[in-house]
Amino acid sequence: MSFQSLNRIALVEDDVSFREALAERLSLDGFVVTAFGSGEPALKALTDRFEGVVVTDLRMPGLDGRQLVERLLLMDPDLPVVMMTGHGDIAEAVDAMKRGAYDFLAKPFAPERLVQTLRRALEKRGLILDNRRLAALAAEDTWTIPLSGDSRPVESLRTAVRQLGEAPVDVLIEGETGSGKEAIARAIHSAGRRRTRPFVAVACAALSDGAAEGQLAGHEAGAFSGAIRRRVGQIEQSHQGTLFLDDIDQAPPTAQRLLLRVLEEREVMPLGAAEAQALDLRILAATSTDPALAMQRGDLREDLFYRLNVVRLRVPPLRERREDIPLLFARFLAHASDRLGRPAPAMDHAVRRRLLEYDWPGNLRELSNFASQVAVGMTAVAAAPQVEGGLSERVQAYEAELIREALTAGRGDIRTVTQALRIPRKTLYDKMARHGIRPAEHRTD
């Protein structure tokens, strides 16, 4: 990800003349200024993702500057707020700083001093937001696992992900349950220019028809009884990033109508809003069923499907990439063992046979669950010697052991081994050469 240089200022000042003059001066210095005449509209407009700094007067009718600071810092304790105050109010400004305000300036002040303060505050804000994004990317490391392997299907999938990363098109991802569709969506998001922006995943099957609009579109303060403050919906949260719609065919009718408008107009109308919010987002949708059957059953609107069906990407089930199972299992096992704070256990013959012979109808999700069971000792795991080295070395040793077992069982017959391991002959020879395995040593005739 690339670090960003921020320049946005939210200016809150009730004096019209002073507000307009200060906004003009800050604009000339390269800042992008959004001005508010009081604290209430500023509080409604700002979120914890605001890429800028707040400058507010202390003395204002209604919600004053000190109250605004308290409310903003409840929303985001790391949001820099600079206060402007008269000489008689310095004690209150100092008190606000003790409560979390970034700095204060006593009126009248030199504009250059404010500019310097804002540049320092923006630098701090940029560092905070970049660290948040780095933490989010680190936490999402597990999405890379489904793209591991050297089988032909996964190599094609990786190529498609790279191509679609920078392509400004919506994508419909098809694949069986547990095949890793959300992981592929995250990989597409992370391969393009939006990778440092939000990735918002919506579980369409969990949406209820009555609450879907509020959850997706959000609402303004006072839109209905109990709406005390503005709520940013999941669609608006994905602005400048990616909106992932999982199980789109299971979304209720209300949600499908709303999503169709978002796809067509690239805007969203929160409940109670006077005007729609323009959006810059990319939409990735996923389905576990054949879209044609979903439309035939009436589960998926045809117009919504055709809007989504710009590019279709199929995620292969695990049974079509069986040669990747050892690596996938090893990575899942290492991840599960790390969570438990213990070394990955050795695997016995029963575990290896299950990996080779089972069809894994639950795909990656089922394989991951099995790895977690092995990690906590819920399967019969022999106390075999641990392989020295990191994950790569353990995977290579495990792969070599699988090949030797298959050669022994097949009495060194290459055709029997390729059928047992379900890999091409050339792939088998390449792997045997890499591991120094000689088929003749396993022949018994």
Protein backbone atom coordinates (compact mmCIF):
# COMPACT_ATOMS: atom_id res chain seq x y z
CA MET A 1 0.00 0.00 0.00
CA SER A 2 1.08 3.57 -0.56
CA PHE A 3 1.02 6.24 2.10
CA GLN A 4 -1.24 9.20 1.47
CA SER A 5 -0.80 12.94 1.82
CA LEU A 6 -3.97 14.38 3.36
CA ASN A 7 -5.32 17.89 2.79
CA ARG A 8 -8.95 17.89 3.98
CA ILE A 9 -10.17 20.32 6.63
CA ALA A 10 -13.58 20.45 8.30
CA LEU A 11 -14.06 24.05 9.47
CA VAL A 12 -16.76 24.75 12.08
CA GLU A 13 -17.39 28.45 12.71
CA ASP A 14 -20.66 30.32 13.32
CA ASP A 15 -19.33 33.75 12.24
CA VAL A 16 -20.16 33.85 8.53
CA SER A 17 -17.59 36.50 7.52
CA PHE A 18 -14.75 34.92 9.46
CA ARG A 19 -15.69 31.41 8.23
CA GLU A 20 -15.71 32.45 4.58
CA ALA A 21 -12.45 34.40 4.86
CA LEU A 22 -10.65 31.57 6.67
CA ALA A 23 -11.95 28.94 4.25
CA GLU A 24 -10.71 31.00 1.31
CA ARG A 25 -7.28 31.46 2.88
CA LEU A 26 -6.92 27.76 3.64
CA SER A 27 -7.99 26.88 0.10
CA LEU A 28 -5.25 29.13 -1.27
CA ASP A 29 -2.78 27.17 0.85
CA GLY A 30 -3.83 23.91 -0.83
CA PHE A 31 -6.36 22.58 1.65
CA VAL A 32 -9.75 21.17 0.67
CA VAL A 33 -12.16 22.87 3.07
CA THR A 34 -15.68 21.82 4.02
CA ALA A 35 -17.26 24.59 6.10
CA PHE A 36 -20.07 24.24 8.66
CA GLY A 37 -21.96 26.99 10.45
CA SER A 38 -22.50 24.96 13.63
CA GLY A 39 -21.48 21.77 15.36
CA GLU A 40 -24.59 19.69 14.67
CA PRO A 41 -24.23 19.35 10.86
CA ALA A 42 -20.48 18.74 11.23
CA LEU A 43 -21.12 15.92 13.68
CA LYS A 44 -23.58 14.31 11.25
CA ALA A 45 -21.21 14.58 8.31
CA LEU A 46 -17.99 13.33 9.91
CA THR A 47 -17.12 9.66 10.50
CA ASP A 48 -14.17 7.77 11.96
CA ARG A 49 -12.85 7.40 8.39
CA PHE A 50 -12.56 11.18 7.85
CA GLU A 51 -9.25 11.78 6.07
CA GLY A 52 -8.53 15.16 7.54
CA VAL A 53 -8.52 17.49 10.54
CA VAL A 54 -11.31 19.39 12.27
CA VAL A 55 -10.94 23.11 13.10
CA THR A 56 -13.67 24.48 15.36
CA ASP A 57 -14.51 27.64 17.24
CA LEU A 58 -15.05 27.26 20.97
CA ARG A 59 -17.96 29.63 21.49
CA MET A 60 -20.93 28.67 19.28
CA PRO A 61 -24.69 28.53 19.83
CA GLY A 62 -26.15 25.08 20.34
CA LEU A 63 -23.38 22.48 20.33
CA ASP A 64 -20.28 24.44 21.35
CA GLY A 65 -16.69 23.59 20.47
CA ARG A 66 -15.89 21.71 23.66
CA GLN A 67 -19.00 19.52 23.32
CA LEU A 68 -18.17 18.92 19.66
CA VAL A 69 -14.67 17.77 20.60
CA GLU A 70 -16.08 15.32 23.15
CA ARG A 71 -18.56 13.88 20.66
CA LEU A 72 -15.98 13.60 17.87
CA LEU A 73 -13.43 11.88 20.11
CA LEU A 74 -16.04 9.39 21.24
CA MET A 75 -16.46 8.51 17.57
CA ASP A 76 -12.71 8.45 16.85
CA PRO A 77 -10.20 9.09 19.67
CA ASP A 78 -7.46 9.63 17.07
CA LEU A 79 -9.18 12.44 15.13
CA PRO A 80 -7.12 15.68 15.46
CA VAL A 81 -9.31 18.65 16.46
CA VAL A 82 -7.85 22.17 16.54
CA MET A 83 -9.77 24.76 18.58
CA MET A 84 -10.00 28.50 17.94
CA THR A 85 -10.77 30.63 20.98
CA GLY A 86 -10.77 34.17 22.33
CA HIS A 87 -8.19 35.22 24.92
CA GLY A 88 -10.77 34.99 27.72
CA ASP A 89 -11.47 31.34 26.91
CA ILE A 90 -7.92 29.99 26.97
CA ALA A 91 -8.50 28.07 30.21
CA GLU A 92 -11.41 26.22 28.59
CA ALA A 93 -9.33 25.49 25.51
CA VAL A 94 -6.54 24.04 27.66
CA ASP A 95 -9.12 21.88 29.42
CA ALA A 96 -10.32 20.64 26.00
CA MET A 97 -6.74 19.69 25.12
CA LYS A 98 -6.51 17.66 28.32
CA ARG A 99 -9.61 15.84 27.12
CA GLY A 100 -8.07 15.03 23.74
CA ALA A 101 -8.09 18.13 21.49
CA TYR A 102 -4.97 18.36 19.31
CA ASP A 103 -4.17 22.08 19.75
CA PHE A 104 -5.71 25.52 20.16
CA LEU A 105 -5.10 29.00 18.76
CA ALA A 106 -6.18 32.21 20.44
CA LYS A 107 -7.83 34.81 18.20
CA PRO A 108 -6.58 36.83 16.50
CA PHE A 109 -3.85 34.54 15.13
CA ALA A 110 -1.57 34.66 12.13
CA PRO A 111 -2.93 32.44 9.32
CA GLU A 112 0.57 31.01 8.84
CA ARG A 113 0.49 29.62 12.36
CA LEU A 114 -2.80 27.84 11.68
CA VAL A 115 -1.42 26.42 8.42
CA GLN A 116 1.63 25.03 10.22
CA THR A 117 -0.56 23.48 12.93
CA LEU A 118 -2.84 21.90 10.32
CA ARG A 119 0.03 20.42 8.35
CA ARG A 120 1.38 18.76 11.50
CA ALA A 121 -2.09 17.49 12.42
CA LEU A 122 -2.68 16.15 8.90
CA GLU A 123 0.64 14.34 8.97
CA LYS A 124 -0.38 12.71 12.25
CA ARG A 125 -3.83 11.82 10.87
CA GLY A 126 -2.29 10.30 7.74
CA LEU A 127 0.03 8.14 9.83
CA ILE A 128 -2.88 6.94 11.98
CA LEU A 129 -5.02 6.01 8.98
CA ASP A 130 -2.14 4.28 7.19
CA ASN A 131 -1.38 2.22 10.30
CA ARG A 132 -5.03 1.20 10.46
CA ARG A 133 -4.89 0.05 6.85
CA LEU A 134 -1.66 -1.86 7.44
CA ALA A 135 -3.20 -3.59 10.45
CA ALA A 136 -6.28 -4.49 8.41
CA LEU A 137 -4.16 -5.91 5.59
CA ALA A 138 -2.09 -7.94 8.06
CA ALA A 139 -5.24 -9.31 9.67
CA GLU A 140 -6.53 -10.41 6.27
CA ASP A 141 -3.47 -12.52 5.45
CA THR A 142 -5.53 -15.71 5.51
CA TRP A 143 -7.28 -14.77 2.26
CA THR A 144 -4.06 -15.61 0.42
CA ILE A 145 -4.31 -19.30 1.36
CA PRO A 146 -6.98 -20.30 -1.24
CA LEU A 147 -4.68 -19.06 -4.02
CA SER A 148 -1.83 -21.33 -2.89
CA GLY A 149 -0.76 -24.24 -5.06
CA ASP A 150 0.66 -25.03 -8.49
CA SER A 151 -2.25 -26.85 -10.11
CA ARG A 152 -3.44 -25.62 -13.48
CA PRO A 153 -6.83 -24.40 -12.16
CA VAL A 154 -5.28 -22.26 -9.42
CA GLU A 155 -2.62 -20.88 -11.74
CA SER A 156 -5.40 -19.77 -14.09
CA LEU A 157 -7.25 -18.30 -11.12
CA ARG A 158 -4.21 -16.31 -10.01
CA THR A 159 -3.80 -14.97 -13.55
CA ALA A 160 -7.44 -13.88 -13.62
CA VAL A 161 -7.11 -12.17 -10.23
CA ARG A 162 -4.10 -10.17 -11.44
CA GLN A 163 -5.90 -9.14 -14.62
CA LEU A 164 -9.09 -8.14 -12.81
CA GLY A 165 -7.29 -6.27 -10.05
CA GLU A 166 -6.85 -3.11 -12.12
CA ALA A 167 -9.79 -3.66 -14.48
CA PRO A 168 -12.58 -1.12 -13.71
CA VAL A 169 -15.37 -3.69 -14.03
CA ASP A 170 -17.79 -5.42 -11.69
CA VAL A 171 -17.30 -9.18 -11.32
CA LEU A 172 -19.66 -12.08 -10.60
CA ILE A 173 -17.79 -14.86 -8.79
CA GLU A 174 -19.23 -18.37 -8.99
CA GLY A 175 -18.17 -21.31 -6.88
CA GLU A 176 -19.38 -24.04 -4.57
CA THR A 177 -19.93 -23.42 -0.88
CA GLY A 178 -16.61 -23.14 0.94
CA SER A 179 -14.54 -22.80 -2.23
CA GLY A 180 -13.08 -19.43 -1.19
CA LYS A 181 -15.18 -16.89 -3.10
CA GLU A 182 -14.74 -14.12 -0.53
CA ALA A 183 -11.01 -14.79 -0.43
CA ILE A 184 -10.87 -14.42 -4.21
CA ALA A 185 -12.87 -11.17 -3.97
CA ARG A 186 -10.39 -9.85 -1.39
CA ALA A 187 -7.50 -10.88 -3.64
CA ILE A 188 -9.02 -8.95 -6.57
CA HIS A 189 -9.53 -5.93 -4.32
CA SER A 190 -5.93 -6.13 -3.06
CA ALA A 191 -4.51 -6.47 -6.58
CA GLY A 192 -5.80 -3.07 -7.70
CA ARG A 193 -5.62 0.62 -6.88
CA ARG A 194 -8.40 0.28 -4.30
CA ARG A 195 -6.36 -2.04 -2.08
CA THR A 196 -5.81 0.61 0.63
CA ARG A 197 -9.49 1.54 0.66
CA PRO A 198 -12.35 -0.30 2.44
CA PHE A 199 -13.40 -3.82 1.51
CA VAL A 200 -16.95 -4.19 2.80
CA ALA A 201 -18.45 -7.69 2.78
CA VAL A 202 -22.24 -8.04 2.92
CA ALA A 203 -23.75 -11.40 3.83
CA CYS A 204 -26.86 -11.11 1.66
CA ALA A 205 -28.39 -14.30 3.05
CA ALA A 206 -28.43 -12.72 6.52
CA LEU A 207 -30.34 -9.60 5.42
CA SER A 208 -33.99 -9.38 6.44
CA ASP A 209 -36.44 -7.76 4.06
CA GLY A 210 -37.52 -5.22 6.66
CA ALA A 211 -34.07 -4.10 7.83
CA ALA A 212 -32.08 -4.50 4.61
CA GLU A 213 -32.48 -0.91 3.41
CA GLY A 214 -31.30 0.60 6.70
CA GLN A 215 -28.33 -1.75 6.90
CA LEU A 216 -27.25 -1.22 3.30
CA ALA A 217 -28.16 2.43 2.70
CA GLY A 218 -27.91 3.79 6.25
CA HIS A 219 -30.03 6.61 7.62
CA GLU A 220 -29.90 10.23 8.70
CA ALA A 221 -30.44 11.38 12.28
CA GLY A 222 -34.17 11.67 12.89
CA ALA A 223 -35.12 9.53 9.90
CA PHE A 224 -37.34 7.46 12.17
CA SER A 225 -38.08 7.01 15.85
CA GLY A 226 -34.90 6.01 17.65
CA ALA A 227 -32.54 7.29 14.92
CA ILE A 228 -30.56 9.54 17.26
CA ARG A 229 -27.58 9.98 14.97
CA ARG A 230 -26.58 9.34 11.39
CA ARG A 231 -25.68 5.77 10.47
CA VAL A 232 -23.43 5.12 7.50
CA GLY A 233 -24.73 2.11 5.57
CA GLN A 234 -22.54 -0.69 4.23
CA ILE A 235 -22.82 0.64 0.68
CA GLU A 236 -21.52 4.10 1.60
CA GLN A 237 -18.82 2.51 3.78
CA SER A 238 -17.35 0.98 0.61
CA HIS A 239 -16.99 4.39 -1.10
CA GLN A 240 -13.68 4.46 -3.04
CA GLY A 241 -13.24 0.79 -2.18
CA THR A 242 -14.99 -2.50 -2.92
CA LEU A 243 -18.47 -3.74 -2.02
CA PHE A 244 -18.61 -7.54 -1.86
CA LEU A 245 -22.09 -9.07 -2.05
CA ASP A 246 -21.90 -12.67 -0.88
CA ASP A 247 -24.78 -15.00 -1.88
CA ILE A 248 -26.38 -12.26 -3.96
CA ASP A 249 -29.10 -14.69 -5.08
CA GLN A 250 -30.23 -14.99 -1.44
CA ALA A 251 -30.69 -11.24 -0.91
CA PRO A 252 -34.31 -10.26 -0.09
CA PRO A 253 -36.34 -8.38 -2.77
CA THR A 254 -35.91 -5.00 -1.03
CA ALA A 255 -32.14 -5.38 -1.04
CA GLN A 256 -32.05 -6.49 -4.69
CA ARG A 257 -34.03 -3.40 -5.76
CA LEU A 258 -31.69 -1.15 -3.81
CA LEU A 259 -28.56 -2.83 -5.18
CA LEU A 260 -29.87 -2.55 -8.73
CA ARG A 261 -30.13 1.23 -8.33
CA VAL A 262 -26.60 1.35 -6.88
CA LEU A 263 -25.29 -0.61 -9.86
CA GLU A 264 -27.10 1.61 -12.36
CA GLU A 265 -26.62 5.05 -10.81
CA ARG A 266 -23.54 4.61 -8.59
CA GLU A 267 -25.30 6.47 -5.79
CA VAL A 268 -27.23 5.63 -2.63
CA MET A 269 -30.09 7.39 -0.85
CA PRO A 270 -29.88 6.96 2.95
CA LEU A 271 -33.21 6.86 4.76
CA GLY A 272 -34.31 10.40 5.58
CA ALA A 273 -31.72 12.03 3.30
CA ALA A 274 -32.61 15.00 1.12
CA GLU A 275 -30.36 13.89 -1.71
CA ALA A 276 -28.47 10.83 -2.86
CA GLN A 277 -24.80 10.23 -2.02
CA ALA A 278 -22.58 9.79 -5.09
CA LEU A 279 -20.39 6.68 -4.92
CA ASP A 280 -17.05 5.61 -6.32
CA LEU A 281 -16.95 1.89 -5.73
CA ARG A 282 -16.41 -1.46 -7.33
CA ILE A 283 -18.91 -4.26 -6.86
CA LEU A 284 -17.95 -7.91 -6.59
CA ALA A 285 -20.79 -10.39 -6.12
CA ALA A 286 -20.74 -14.10 -5.44
CA THR A 287 -23.16 -16.99 -5.80
CA SER A 288 -22.96 -20.68 -4.89
CA THR A 289 -25.73 -21.65 -7.30
CA ASP A 290 -26.23 -21.44 -11.04
CA PRO A 291 -27.54 -17.89 -11.71
CA ALA A 292 -29.82 -19.23 -14.44
CA LEU A 293 -31.51 -21.57 -11.96
CA ALA A 294 -31.72 -18.78 -9.36
CA MET A 295 -33.49 -16.54 -11.88
CA GLN A 296 -35.78 -19.37 -12.92
CA ARG A 297 -36.78 -19.91 -9.28
CA GLY A 298 -37.36 -16.19 -8.83
CA ASP A 299 -34.54 -15.86 -6.27
CA LEU A 300 -32.46 -13.50 -8.41
CA ARG A 301 -33.76 -10.56 -10.43
CA GLU A 302 -32.83 -10.84 -14.08
CA ASP A 303 -32.01 -7.13 -14.42
CA LEU A 304 -29.73 -7.32 -11.37
CA PHE A 305 -27.98 -10.39 -12.78
CA TYR A 306 -27.35 -8.74 -16.15
CA ARG A 307 -25.95 -5.66 -14.43
CA LEU A 308 -23.57 -7.84 -12.42
CA ASN A 309 -22.70 -10.16 -15.28
CA VAL A 310 -19.96 -7.97 -16.77
CA VAL A 311 -17.24 -10.50 -16.00
CA ARG A 312 -17.84 -13.98 -14.55
CA LEU A 313 -15.11 -15.78 -12.66
CA ARG A 314 -15.39 -19.42 -11.62
CA VAL A 315 -13.61 -20.64 -8.49
CA PRO A 316 -12.71 -24.34 -8.85
CA PRO A 317 -13.81 -26.77 -6.13
CA LEU A 318 -11.13 -28.57 -4.18
CA ARG A 319 -11.67 -31.86 -6.01
CA GLU A 320 -10.50 -30.16 -9.23
CA ARG A 321 -7.21 -29.10 -7.64
CA ARG A 322 -6.35 -32.12 -5.53
CA GLU A 323 -2.60 -31.72 -6.04
CA ASP A 324 -2.84 -28.45 -4.06
CA ILE A 325 -4.36 -30.16 -1.01
CA PRO A 326 -1.05 -30.93 0.78
CA LEU A 327 0.08 -27.30 0.61
CA LEU A 328 -3.35 -25.94 1.49
CA PHE A 329 -3.65 -28.28 4.46
CA ALA A 330 -0.15 -27.43 5.67
CA ARG A 331 -0.92 -23.69 5.55
CA PHE A 332 -4.26 -24.13 7.31
CA LEU A 333 -2.58 -26.32 9.94
CA ALA A 334 0.21 -23.79 10.50
CA HIS A 335 -2.34 -20.98 10.83
CA ALA A 336 -4.46 -22.96 13.30
CA SER A 337 -1.40 -23.97 15.33
CA ASP A 338 -0.19 -20.36 15.48
CA ARG A 339 -3.55 -19.31 16.88
CA LEU A 340 -3.19 -21.95 19.58
CA GLY A 341 0.40 -20.97 20.31
CA ARG A 342 1.75 -24.44 19.73
CA PRO A 343 3.85 -26.16 17.01
CA ALA A 344 2.06 -27.87 14.17
CA PRO A 345 1.61 -31.58 15.03
CA ALA A 346 2.98 -34.40 12.95
CA MET A 347 0.49 -36.19 10.70
CA ASP A 348 -0.09 -39.93 10.70
CA HIS A 349 -1.07 -42.22 7.87
CA ALA A 350 -4.80 -41.86 8.56
CA VAL A 351 -4.67 -38.08 8.16
CA ARG A 352 -2.67 -38.33 4.94
CA ARG A 353 -5.01 -40.94 3.50
CA ARG A 354 -7.99 -38.71 4.26
CA LEU A 355 -6.30 -35.84 2.44
CA LEU A 356 -5.67 -38.02 -0.59
CA GLU A 357 -8.89 -39.99 -0.85
CA TYR A 358 -11.65 -37.76 0.54
CA ASP A 359 -13.61 -35.60 -1.94
CA TRP A 360 -13.99 -32.57 0.40
CA PRO A 361 -17.53 -31.53 -0.56
CA GLY A 362 -17.18 -28.57 1.83
CA ASN A 363 -14.07 -27.51 -0.08
CA LEU A 364 -11.58 -25.14 1.57
CA ARG A 365 -13.82 -24.45 4.55
CA GLU A 366 -14.03 -28.17 5.35
CA LEU A 367 -10.28 -28.60 4.85
CA SER A 368 -9.61 -25.66 7.16
CA ASN A 369 -11.91 -27.14 9.81
CA PHE A 370 -10.13 -30.48 9.53
CA ALA A 371 -6.78 -28.73 9.97
CA SER A 372 -8.11 -27.05 13.11
CA GLN A 373 -9.23 -30.44 14.46
CA VAL A 374 -5.76 -31.85 13.84
CA ALA A 375 -4.16 -28.81 15.51
CA VAL A 376 -6.17 -29.26 18.72
CA GLY A 377 -5.62 -33.04 18.75
CA MET A 378 -9.18 -34.13 17.96
CA THR A 379 -7.92 -36.63 15.36
CA ALA A 380 -5.48 -39.51 15.79
CA VAL A 381 -2.12 -37.82 15.29
CA ALA A 382 1.01 -39.85 15.77
CA ALA A 383 3.89 -38.43 17.76
CA ALA A 384 6.22 -38.45 14.76
CA PRO A 385 9.40 -36.39 14.72
CA GLN A 386 8.88 -32.71 13.86
CA VAL A 387 10.36 -31.50 10.57
CA GLU A 388 12.92 -28.77 11.11
CA GLY A 389 12.55 -25.45 9.32
CA GLY A 390 9.69 -23.16 8.36
CA LEU A 391 6.39 -23.78 6.62
CA SER A 392 7.96 -24.22 3.17
CA GLU A 393 10.36 -26.90 4.39
CA ARG A 394 7.56 -28.75 6.23
CA VAL A 395 5.33 -28.66 3.14
CA GLN A 396 8.12 -30.01 0.93
CA ALA A 397 8.89 -32.83 3.38
CA TYR A 398 5.22 -33.72 3.66
CA GLU A 399 4.80 -33.74 -0.14
CA ALA A 400 7.83 -36.00 -0.54
CA GLU A 401 6.45 -38.42 2.05
CA LEU A 402 3.11 -38.59 0.24
CA ILE A 403 4.84 -39.40 -3.05
CA ARG A 404 6.98 -42.12 -1.43
CA GLU A 405 3.88 -43.66 0.18
CA ALA A 406 2.06 -43.68 -3.16
CA LEU A 407 5.09 -45.24 -4.91
CA THR A 408 5.33 -47.94 -2.27
CA ALA A 409 1.59 -48.68 -2.48
CA GLY A 410 1.76 -48.72 -6.30
CA ARG A 411 4.98 -50.78 -6.35
CA GLY A 412 6.75 -48.04 -8.26
CA ASP A 413 4.30 -48.00 -11.16
CA ILE A 414 4.11 -44.38 -12.39
CA ARG A 415 0.66 -44.72 -13.92
CA THR A 416 -0.76 -46.09 -10.67
CA VAL A 417 0.86 -43.25 -8.70
CA THR A 418 -0.45 -40.49 -11.00
CA GLN A 419 -3.95 -41.95 -10.66
CA ALA A 420 -3.68 -42.21 -6.87
CA LEU A 421 -2.35 -38.68 -6.46
CA ARG A 422 -4.47 -37.33 -9.33
CA ILE A 423 -1.66 -35.30 -10.84
CA PRO A 424 -0.20 -35.28 -14.40
CA ARG A 425 2.79 -37.51 -15.17
CA LYS A 426 5.06 -34.52 -15.89
CA THR A 427 4.14 -32.91 -12.56
CA LEU A 428 4.96 -36.15 -10.74
CA TYR A 429 8.36 -36.47 -12.45
CA ASP A 430 9.17 -32.81 -11.64
CA LYS A 431 8.30 -33.33 -7.99
CA MET A 432 10.28 -36.60 -7.75
CA ALA A 433 13.32 -34.90 -9.28
CA ARG A 434 12.98 -32.02 -6.80
CA HIS A 435 12.85 -34.41 -3.84
CA GLY A 436 15.48 -36.83 -5.16
CA ILE A 437 12.99 -39.74 -5.30
CA ARG A 438 13.72 -42.73 -7.57
CA PRO A 439 10.71 -44.86 -8.59
CA ALA A 440 12.93 -47.94 -9.06
CA GLU A 441 13.63 -48.06 -5.32
CA HIS A 442 9.92 -48.74 -4.67
CA ARG A 443 9.43 -51.55 -7.22
CA THR A 444 9.00 -55.02 -5.74
CA ASP A 445 8.84 -57.14 -8.89
